[in-house]
Amino acid sequence: MNIEKRIMRLEMDGPNGSGLSEIKCDPADFTSPLPTQHGHVYYANPEIGLNVGVWATTTMGEAIAPYPGDEFIWVLEGEFKMVHDNGDAVPVHKNECAYLRNGIPSSWQQEGYLRKFYILYLDPNADTPKIDSAKGGVGVLDPDVEMAKMDITDPFEIEGAMPEQKNHTIFTNDAGNFHVGTWESGPMVSKMLPFPTYEFVRMLEGEVTITEEDGTAQTFRGGDCFFVPKGTVCSWTIKTHVKKHYAILDL
């Protein structure tokens, strides 16, 4: 279990290229020959059912079953499709981000190698919702989606000039606490405060520097991925402009 309250930069080969660990697969989970899977978990909190990491697999196919959690992913290599119980399929390609709804009757199918960054939320104290159709339960994010101007700066308290910010939320889970969308902001400096949610970020454009309470600072640019655990004391500085896809767990 890793529940450290520090900004975590996600890297596709694990921290500092340390590599991924092999994952034992259960043949009962697959309709295909048993795949070879590897991964690294950057953050895991079983008490709330939250996991963040990088995961890789060879060709695989699963039986139709309720999807095990609300998930947001960024496909780094390869592609897959989520096949619904009625035979419809939603493809997700390399460099795309997608959300998956907990409990939808569906099957993960892919040919060839795949690697992804992910954030997965499955409340250990909640029953799996009974969902009759997977329709609308899988979606690919559009980086050029039209966004609405925000009249608040949550989750930030701003120092100095107020930034112009826009947002588009594409998915909220059934529990109302897991949100996926696209956000952009002009220049800003936020106050050094505990971050109020768990947030997974795929940077699309621009540059942000996040400074922690002890002075540690990390800069993230378009193409980077990072995770902010709830309670991390930090300040965000945007010099010109930032655009990101995000998944937020608000507990």
C-alpha atoms as a PDB file:
ATOM      1  CA  MET A   1       0.000   0.000   0.000  1.00  0.00           C
ATOM      2  CA  ASN A   2       1.345   3.428  -0.968  1.00  0.00           C
ATOM      3  CA  ILE A   3      -0.665   6.348   0.366  1.00  0.00           C
ATOM      4  CA  GLU A   4       2.129   8.901   0.484  1.00  0.00           C
ATOM      5  CA  LYS A   5       0.917  12.483   0.121  1.00  0.00           C
ATOM      6  CA  ARG A   6       3.385  13.585  -2.547  1.00  0.00           C
ATOM      7  CA  ILE A   7       3.050  14.594  -6.191  1.00  0.00           C
ATOM      8  CA  MET A   8       3.700  11.480  -8.292  1.00  0.00           C
ATOM      9  CA  ARG A   9       5.038  11.642 -11.833  1.00  0.00           C
ATOM     10  CA  LEU A  10       3.891   8.561 -13.773  1.00  0.00           C
ATOM     11  CA  GLU A  11       6.456   6.977 -16.090  1.00  0.00           C
ATOM     12  CA  MET A  12       5.639   4.208 -18.563  1.00  0.00           C
ATOM     13  CA  ASP A  13       8.566   2.011 -17.442  1.00  0.00           C
ATOM     14  CA  GLY A  14       8.053   2.605 -13.726  1.00  0.00           C
ATOM     15  CA  PRO A  15       9.869   5.140 -11.509  1.00  0.00           C
ATOM     16  CA  ASN A  16      13.176   6.165 -13.115  1.00  0.00           C
ATOM     17  CA  GLY A  17      12.864   3.322 -15.631  1.00  0.00           C
ATOM     18  CA  SER A  18      12.977   0.652 -12.912  1.00  0.00           C
ATOM     19  CA  GLY A  19      10.695  -1.640 -14.914  1.00  0.00           C
ATOM     20  CA  LEU A  20       7.311  -3.293 -14.386  1.00  0.00           C
ATOM     21  CA  SER A  21       6.556  -6.361 -12.271  1.00  0.00           C
ATOM     22  CA  GLU A  22       4.843  -9.444 -13.663  1.00  0.00           C
ATOM     23  CA  ILE A  23       1.171  -9.889 -12.757  1.00  0.00           C
ATOM     24  CA  LYS A  24      -0.228 -13.365 -12.189  1.00  0.00           C
ATOM     25  CA  CYS A  25      -3.272 -13.987 -14.397  1.00  0.00           C
ATOM     26  CA  ASP A  26      -6.195 -16.307 -13.659  1.00  0.00           C
ATOM     27  CA  PRO A  27      -7.194 -18.396 -16.705  1.00  0.00           C
ATOM     28  CA  ALA A  28     -10.833 -18.234 -15.560  1.00  0.00           C
ATOM     29  CA  ASP A  29     -10.885 -14.494 -16.397  1.00  0.00           C
ATOM     30  CA  PHE A  30     -10.122 -14.957 -20.092  1.00  0.00           C
ATOM     31  CA  THR A  31     -11.706 -16.356 -23.223  1.00  0.00           C
ATOM     32  CA  SER A  32      -8.343 -16.024 -24.979  1.00  0.00           C
ATOM     33  CA  PRO A  33      -5.056 -17.807 -24.293  1.00  0.00           C
ATOM     34  CA  LEU A  34      -3.534 -16.560 -21.047  1.00  0.00           C
ATOM     35  CA  PRO A  35      -1.842 -13.165 -21.605  1.00  0.00           C
ATOM     36  CA  THR A  36       1.415 -11.946 -20.129  1.00  0.00           C
ATOM     37  CA  GLN A  37       0.851  -8.848 -17.978  1.00  0.00           C
ATOM     38  CA  HIS A  38       3.122  -6.450 -16.106  1.00  0.00           C
ATOM     39  CA  GLY A  39       2.523  -3.335 -14.067  1.00  0.00           C
ATOM     40  CA  HIS A  40       3.606  -0.858 -11.444  1.00  0.00           C
ATOM     41  CA  VAL A  41       1.245   0.606  -8.849  1.00  0.00           C
ATOM     42  CA  TYR A  42       2.166   4.194  -7.992  1.00  0.00           C
ATOM     43  CA  TYR A  43      -0.616   4.691  -5.466  1.00  0.00           C
ATOM     44  CA  ALA A  44      -2.853   2.166  -3.733  1.00  0.00           C
ATOM     45  CA  ASN A  45      -5.346   2.749  -0.946  1.00  0.00           C
ATOM     46  CA  PRO A  46      -7.463  -0.383  -0.384  1.00  0.00           C
ATOM     47  CA  GLU A  47      -9.521   1.315   2.330  1.00  0.00           C
ATOM     48  CA  ILE A  48     -11.158   3.521  -0.286  1.00  0.00           C
ATOM     49  CA  GLY A  49     -10.560   1.243  -3.294  1.00  0.00           C
ATOM     50  CA  LEU A  50      -8.265   3.544  -5.282  1.00  0.00           C
ATOM     51  CA  ASN A  51      -5.348   2.449  -7.468  1.00  0.00           C
ATOM     52  CA  VAL A  52      -3.124   4.443  -9.835  1.00  0.00           C
ATOM     53  CA  GLY A  53      -0.431   2.989 -12.055  1.00  0.00           C
ATOM     54  CA  VAL A  54       0.866   1.708 -15.357  1.00  0.00           C
ATOM     55  CA  TRP A  55      -0.239  -1.661 -16.811  1.00  0.00           C
ATOM     56  CA  ALA A  56       0.777  -3.672 -19.858  1.00  0.00           C
ATOM     57  CA  THR A  57      -0.587  -6.813 -21.483  1.00  0.00           C
ATOM     58  CA  THR A  58      -0.228  -9.023 -24.537  1.00  0.00           C
ATOM     59  CA  THR A  59      -3.218 -10.100 -26.670  1.00  0.00           C
ATOM     60  CA  MET A  60      -6.231 -10.845 -24.482  1.00  0.00           C
ATOM     61  CA  GLY A  61      -9.993 -11.311 -24.460  1.00  0.00           C
ATOM     62  CA  GLU A  62     -12.368 -11.401 -21.523  1.00  0.00           C
ATOM     63  CA  ALA A  63     -15.841 -12.832 -21.080  1.00  0.00           C
ATOM     64  CA  ILE A  64     -18.792 -10.433 -20.826  1.00  0.00           C
ATOM     65  CA  ALA A  65     -19.019  -9.409 -17.162  1.00  0.00           C
ATOM     66  CA  PRO A  66     -19.655  -6.299 -15.043  1.00  0.00           C
ATOM     67  CA  TYR A  67     -16.648  -3.978 -15.400  1.00  0.00           C
ATOM     68  CA  PRO A  68     -14.782  -3.884 -12.049  1.00  0.00           C
ATOM     69  CA  GLY A  69     -14.706  -0.186 -11.190  1.00  0.00           C
ATOM     70  CA  ASP A  70     -14.840   3.345 -12.535  1.00  0.00           C
ATOM     71  CA  GLU A  71     -11.666   3.851 -14.542  1.00  0.00           C
ATOM     72  CA  PHE A  72      -9.896   6.553 -16.512  1.00  0.00           C
ATOM     73  CA  ILE A  73      -7.066   5.463 -18.809  1.00  0.00           C
ATOM     74  CA  TRP A  74      -4.511   6.871 -21.205  1.00  0.00           C
ATOM     75  CA  VAL A  75      -3.448   4.355 -23.851  1.00  0.00           C
ATOM     76  CA  LEU A  76       0.321   4.640 -24.333  1.00  0.00           C
ATOM     77  CA  GLU A  77       0.807   1.764 -26.777  1.00  0.00           C
ATOM     78  CA  GLY A  78      -1.578  -0.418 -28.748  1.00  0.00           C
ATOM     79  CA  GLU A  79      -5.359  -0.294 -28.876  1.00  0.00           C
ATOM     80  CA  PHE A  80      -8.372  -2.199 -27.553  1.00  0.00           C
ATOM     81  CA  LYS A  81     -12.117  -2.272 -27.798  1.00  0.00           C
ATOM     82  CA  MET A  82     -14.809  -2.630 -25.156  1.00  0.00           C
ATOM     83  CA  VAL A  83     -17.427  -5.007 -26.513  1.00  0.00           C
ATOM     84  CA  HIS A  84     -20.901  -4.517 -25.088  1.00  0.00           C
ATOM     85  CA  ASP A  85     -23.313  -7.287 -24.244  1.00  0.00           C
ATOM     86  CA  ASN A  86     -25.313  -6.498 -27.418  1.00  0.00           C
ATOM     87  CA  GLY A  87     -22.250  -6.834 -29.642  1.00  0.00           C
ATOM     88  CA  ASP A  88     -21.561  -3.103 -30.082  1.00  0.00           C
ATOM     89  CA  ALA A  89     -17.959  -2.077 -29.538  1.00  0.00           C
ATOM     90  CA  VAL A  90     -16.140   1.126 -28.561  1.00  0.00           C
ATOM     91  CA  PRO A  91     -12.533   1.259 -29.857  1.00  0.00           C
ATOM     92  CA  VAL A  92      -9.816   3.122 -27.959  1.00  0.00           C
ATOM     93  CA  HIS A  93      -6.578   3.832 -29.813  1.00  0.00           C
ATOM     94  CA  LYS A  94      -3.010   4.777 -28.950  1.00  0.00           C
ATOM     95  CA  ASN A  95      -2.671   8.190 -27.279  1.00  0.00           C
ATOM     96  CA  GLU A  96      -6.398   8.417 -26.528  1.00  0.00           C
ATOM     97  CA  CYS A  97      -7.936   8.790 -23.079  1.00  0.00           C
ATOM     98  CA  ALA A  98     -11.144   7.029 -22.127  1.00  0.00           C
ATOM     99  CA  TYR A  99     -13.458   6.429 -19.170  1.00  0.00           C
ATOM    100  CA  LEU A 100     -15.207   3.186 -18.200  1.00  0.00           C
ATOM    101  CA  ARG A 101     -18.226   2.978 -15.909  1.00  0.00           C
ATOM    102  CA  ASN A 102     -18.341   0.565 -12.994  1.00  0.00           C
ATOM    103  CA  GLY A 103     -20.645  -2.403 -13.532  1.00  0.00           C
ATOM    104  CA  ILE A 104     -21.327  -2.140 -17.260  1.00  0.00           C
ATOM    105  CA  PRO A 105     -21.748  -5.568 -18.939  1.00  0.00           C
ATOM    106  CA  SER A 106     -18.782  -5.600 -21.302  1.00  0.00           C
ATOM    107  CA  SER A 107     -15.650  -7.397 -22.449  1.00  0.00           C
ATOM    108  CA  TRP A 108     -12.112  -6.049 -22.986  1.00  0.00           C
ATOM    109  CA  GLN A 109     -10.762  -7.344 -26.317  1.00  0.00           C
ATOM    110  CA  GLN A 110      -7.412  -6.577 -27.948  1.00  0.00           C
ATOM    111  CA  GLU A 111      -4.920  -7.891 -30.471  1.00  0.00           C
ATOM    112  CA  GLY A 112      -1.237  -7.255 -29.823  1.00  0.00           C
ATOM    113  CA  TYR A 113       0.555  -5.424 -27.043  1.00  0.00           C
ATOM    114  CA  LEU A 114      -1.010  -2.630 -24.977  1.00  0.00           C
ATOM    115  CA  ARG A 115       0.255  -0.327 -22.243  1.00  0.00           C
ATOM    116  CA  LYS A 116      -1.770   2.247 -20.304  1.00  0.00           C
ATOM    117  CA  PHE A 117      -1.691   4.680 -17.421  1.00  0.00           C
ATOM    118  CA  TYR A 118      -4.796   4.316 -15.266  1.00  0.00           C
ATOM    119  CA  ILE A 119      -6.724   5.428 -12.218  1.00  0.00           C
ATOM    120  CA  LEU A 120      -9.246   2.860 -10.990  1.00  0.00           C
ATOM    121  CA  TYR A 121     -11.849   3.386  -8.260  1.00  0.00           C
ATOM    122  CA  LEU A 122     -13.872   0.520  -6.818  1.00  0.00           C
ATOM    123  CA  ASP A 123     -15.503   1.232  -3.461  1.00  0.00           C
ATOM    124  CA  PRO A 124     -14.872  -1.875  -1.309  1.00  0.00           C
ATOM    125  CA  ASN A 125     -17.968  -1.129   0.776  1.00  0.00           C
ATOM    126  CA  ALA A 126     -20.426  -0.761  -2.097  1.00  0.00           C
ATOM    127  CA  ASP A 127     -22.266  -3.405  -4.092  1.00  0.00           C
ATOM    128  CA  THR A 128     -21.660  -3.642  -7.841  1.00  0.00           C
ATOM    129  CA  PRO A 129     -24.469  -1.690  -9.515  1.00  0.00           C
ATOM    130  CA  LYS A 130     -26.891  -3.720 -11.604  1.00  0.00           C
ATOM    131  CA  ILE A 131     -26.653  -2.158 -15.065  1.00  0.00           C
ATOM    132  CA  ASP A 132     -28.644  -3.625 -17.950  1.00  0.00           C
ATOM    133  CA  SER A 133     -26.780  -1.950 -20.807  1.00  0.00           C
ATOM    134  CA  ALA A 134     -23.216  -0.793 -21.434  1.00  0.00           C
ATOM    135  CA  LYS A 135     -24.446   2.020 -23.685  1.00  0.00           C
ATOM    136  CA  GLY A 136     -22.756   5.279 -22.683  1.00  0.00           C
ATOM    137  CA  GLY A 137     -20.528   3.486 -20.200  1.00  0.00           C
ATOM    138  CA  VAL A 138     -17.379   3.838 -22.301  1.00  0.00           C
ATOM    139  CA  GLY A 139     -16.258   7.089 -23.878  1.00  0.00           C
ATOM    140  CA  VAL A 140     -13.191   8.551 -25.563  1.00  0.00           C
ATOM    141  CA  LEU A 141     -12.222  12.105 -24.638  1.00  0.00           C
ATOM    142  CA  ASP A 142     -11.920  14.770 -27.333  1.00  0.00           C
ATOM    143  CA  PRO A 143      -8.991  17.124 -26.587  1.00  0.00           C
ATOM    144  CA  ASP A 144     -10.673  19.802 -28.715  1.00  0.00           C
ATOM    145  CA  VAL A 145     -14.043  19.626 -26.951  1.00  0.00           C
ATOM    146  CA  GLU A 146     -15.862  22.913 -26.433  1.00  0.00           C
ATOM    147  CA  MET A 147     -15.562  24.002 -22.817  1.00  0.00           C
ATOM    148  CA  ALA A 148     -17.598  26.393 -20.684  1.00  0.00           C
ATOM    149  CA  LYS A 149     -16.070  29.336 -18.846  1.00  0.00           C
ATOM    150  CA  MET A 150     -15.872  28.742 -15.099  1.00  0.00           C
ATOM    151  CA  ASP A 151     -17.051  31.302 -12.563  1.00  0.00           C
ATOM    152  CA  ILE A 152     -15.109  29.676  -9.713  1.00  0.00           C
ATOM    153  CA  THR A 153     -11.483  28.535  -9.355  1.00  0.00           C
ATOM    154  CA  ASP A 154     -12.064  25.366  -7.311  1.00  0.00           C
ATOM    155  CA  PRO A 155     -10.075  23.490  -6.135  1.00  0.00           C
ATOM    156  CA  PHE A 156      -7.645  26.412  -6.029  1.00  0.00           C
ATOM    157  CA  GLU A 157      -7.464  29.570  -3.929  1.00  0.00           C
ATOM    158  CA  ILE A 158      -5.693  32.140  -6.085  1.00  0.00           C
ATOM    159  CA  GLU A 159      -2.954  34.577  -5.149  1.00  0.00           C
ATOM    160  CA  GLY A 160      -2.913  37.732  -7.266  1.00  0.00           C
ATOM    161  CA  ALA A 161      -4.740  38.067 -10.582  1.00  0.00           C
ATOM    162  CA  MET A 162      -7.648  35.739 -11.241  1.00  0.00           C
ATOM    163  CA  PRO A 163      -7.159  33.379 -14.199  1.00  0.00           C
ATOM    164  CA  GLU A 164      -9.634  32.615 -16.944  1.00  0.00           C
ATOM    165  CA  GLN A 165     -10.535  28.940 -16.706  1.00  0.00           C
ATOM    166  CA  LYS A 166     -12.748  26.590 -18.728  1.00  0.00           C
ATOM    167  CA  ASN A 167     -14.033  23.084 -18.112  1.00  0.00           C
ATOM    168  CA  HIS A 168     -16.019  20.280 -19.695  1.00  0.00           C
ATOM    169  CA  THR A 169     -17.043  17.284 -17.568  1.00  0.00           C
ATOM    170  CA  ILE A 170     -17.787  14.282 -19.784  1.00  0.00           C
ATOM    171  CA  PHE A 171     -18.431  11.626 -17.124  1.00  0.00           C
ATOM    172  CA  THR A 172     -19.574  11.381 -13.511  1.00  0.00           C
ATOM    173  CA  ASN A 173     -19.975   7.959 -11.931  1.00  0.00           C
ATOM    174  CA  ASP A 174     -23.135   6.616 -10.301  1.00  0.00           C
ATOM    175  CA  ALA A 175     -21.881   7.512  -6.825  1.00  0.00           C
ATOM    176  CA  GLY A 176     -21.331  11.120  -7.919  1.00  0.00           C
ATOM    177  CA  ASN A 177     -17.737  11.231  -6.665  1.00  0.00           C
ATOM    178  CA  PHE A 178     -15.592  10.309  -9.712  1.00  0.00           C
ATOM    179  CA  HIS A 179     -15.414  12.911 -12.466  1.00  0.00           C
ATOM    180  CA  VAL A 180     -13.641  12.893 -15.840  1.00  0.00           C
ATOM    181  CA  GLY A 181     -13.169  15.837 -18.150  1.00  0.00           C
ATOM    182  CA  THR A 182     -11.042  18.493 -19.809  1.00  0.00           C
ATOM    183  CA  TRP A 183      -9.848  21.743 -18.177  1.00  0.00           C
ATOM    184  CA  GLU A 184      -7.751  24.706 -19.178  1.00  0.00           C
ATOM    185  CA  SER A 185      -6.415  27.760 -17.395  1.00  0.00           C
ATOM    186  CA  GLY A 186      -4.544  30.949 -18.081  1.00  0.00           C
ATOM    187  CA  PRO A 187      -1.739  32.242 -15.836  1.00  0.00           C
ATOM    188  CA  MET A 188      -2.229  31.676 -12.125  1.00  0.00           C
ATOM    189  CA  VAL A 189      -0.552  31.094  -8.775  1.00  0.00           C
ATOM    190  CA  SER A 190      -2.478  29.157  -6.142  1.00  0.00           C
ATOM    191  CA  LYS A 191      -2.029  29.323  -2.387  1.00  0.00           C
ATOM    192  CA  MET A 192      -0.041  26.619  -0.570  1.00  0.00           C
ATOM    193  CA  LEU A 193      -2.883  24.460   0.758  1.00  0.00           C
ATOM    194  CA  PRO A 194      -3.819  20.775   1.184  1.00  0.00           C
ATOM    195  CA  PHE A 195      -5.246  19.520  -2.102  1.00  0.00           C
ATOM    196  CA  PRO A 196      -8.935  18.674  -1.480  1.00  0.00           C
ATOM    197  CA  THR A 197      -9.369  15.712  -3.893  1.00  0.00           C
ATOM    198  CA  TYR A 198      -7.461  12.882  -5.553  1.00  0.00           C
ATOM    199  CA  GLU A 199      -6.563  13.923  -9.111  1.00  0.00           C
ATOM    200  CA  PHE A 200      -5.012  12.107 -12.079  1.00  0.00           C
ATOM    201  CA  VAL A 201      -3.779  14.411 -14.870  1.00  0.00           C
ATOM    202  CA  ARG A 202      -2.803  13.843 -18.488  1.00  0.00           C
ATOM    203  CA  MET A 203      -1.187  17.078 -19.663  1.00  0.00           C
ATOM    204  CA  LEU A 204      -2.255  18.149 -23.144  1.00  0.00           C
ATOM    205  CA  GLU A 205      -0.679  21.587 -23.531  1.00  0.00           C
ATOM    206  CA  GLY A 206       1.342  24.134 -21.638  1.00  0.00           C
ATOM    207  CA  GLU A 207       3.335  23.900 -18.435  1.00  0.00           C
ATOM    208  CA  VAL A 208       2.590  23.838 -14.714  1.00  0.00           C
ATOM    209  CA  THR A 209       4.993  23.838 -11.781  1.00  0.00           C
ATOM    210  CA  ILE A 210       3.711  22.254  -8.576  1.00  0.00           C
ATOM    211  CA  THR A 211       5.608  23.123  -5.397  1.00  0.00           C
ATOM    212  CA  GLU A 212       5.128  21.106  -2.224  1.00  0.00           C
ATOM    213  CA  GLU A 213       5.286  22.326   1.363  1.00  0.00           C
ATOM    214  CA  ASP A 214       8.936  21.255   1.788  1.00  0.00           C
ATOM    215  CA  GLY A 215       9.991  23.212  -1.312  1.00  0.00           C
ATOM    216  CA  THR A 216      10.108  20.258  -3.712  1.00  0.00           C
ATOM    217  CA  ALA A 217       9.009  21.506  -7.141  1.00  0.00           C
ATOM    218  CA  GLN A 218       8.132  19.530 -10.269  1.00  0.00           C
ATOM    219  CA  THR A 219       7.274  20.909 -13.697  1.00  0.00           C
ATOM    220  CA  PHE A 220       4.854  19.060 -15.972  1.00  0.00           C
ATOM    221  CA  ARG A 221       4.403  19.738 -19.676  1.00  0.00           C
ATOM    222  CA  GLY A 222       2.258  18.472 -22.530  1.00  0.00           C
ATOM    223  CA  GLY A 223       2.731  14.695 -22.743  1.00  0.00           C
ATOM    224  CA  ASP A 224       3.337  14.233 -19.002  1.00  0.00           C
ATOM    225  CA  CYS A 225       1.124  12.356 -16.541  1.00  0.00           C
ATOM    226  CA  PHE A 226       0.927  12.849 -12.776  1.00  0.00           C
ATOM    227  CA  PHE A 227      -1.189  12.082  -9.714  1.00  0.00           C
ATOM    228  CA  VAL A 228      -2.013  14.274  -6.719  1.00  0.00           C
ATOM    229  CA  PRO A 229      -3.129  12.410  -3.563  1.00  0.00           C
ATOM    230  CA  LYS A 230      -5.749  14.135  -1.446  1.00  0.00           C
ATOM    231  CA  GLY A 231      -4.161  16.166   1.353  1.00  0.00           C
ATOM    232  CA  THR A 232      -0.927  16.909  -0.497  1.00  0.00           C
ATOM    233  CA  VAL A 233       0.084  20.425   0.559  1.00  0.00           C
ATOM    234  CA  CYS A 234       1.056  22.218  -2.645  1.00  0.00           C
ATOM    235  CA  SER A 235       0.894  25.325  -4.801  1.00  0.00           C
ATOM    236  CA  TRP A 236       0.346  25.389  -8.582  1.00  0.00           C
ATOM    237  CA  THR A 237       2.012  27.978 -10.844  1.00  0.00           C
ATOM    238  CA  ILE A 238       0.972  28.413 -14.483  1.00  0.00           C
ATOM    239  CA  LYS A 239       2.984  31.033 -16.360  1.00  0.00           C
ATOM    240  CA  THR A 240       0.986  31.154 -19.595  1.00  0.00           C
ATOM    241  CA  HIS A 241      -1.524  28.367 -20.300  1.00  0.00           C
ATOM    242  CA  VAL A 242      -2.379  24.775 -19.378  1.00  0.00           C
ATOM    243  CA  LYS A 243      -4.818  22.274 -20.857  1.00  0.00           C
ATOM    244  CA  LYS A 244      -5.366  18.836 -19.378  1.00  0.00           C
ATOM    245  CA  HIS A 245      -7.573  15.766 -19.227  1.00  0.00           C
ATOM    246  CA  TYR A 246      -8.356  14.797 -15.646  1.00  0.00           C
ATOM    247  CA  ALA A 247     -10.008  12.231 -13.425  1.00  0.00           C
ATOM    248  CA  ILE A 248     -10.966  13.400  -9.939  1.00  0.00           C
ATOM    249  CA  LEU A 249     -12.084  11.322  -6.976  1.00  0.00           C
ATOM    250  CA  ASP A 250     -13.836  13.549  -4.455  1.00  0.00           C
ATOM    251  CA  LEU A 251     -14.222  11.785  -1.106  1.00  0.00           C
END
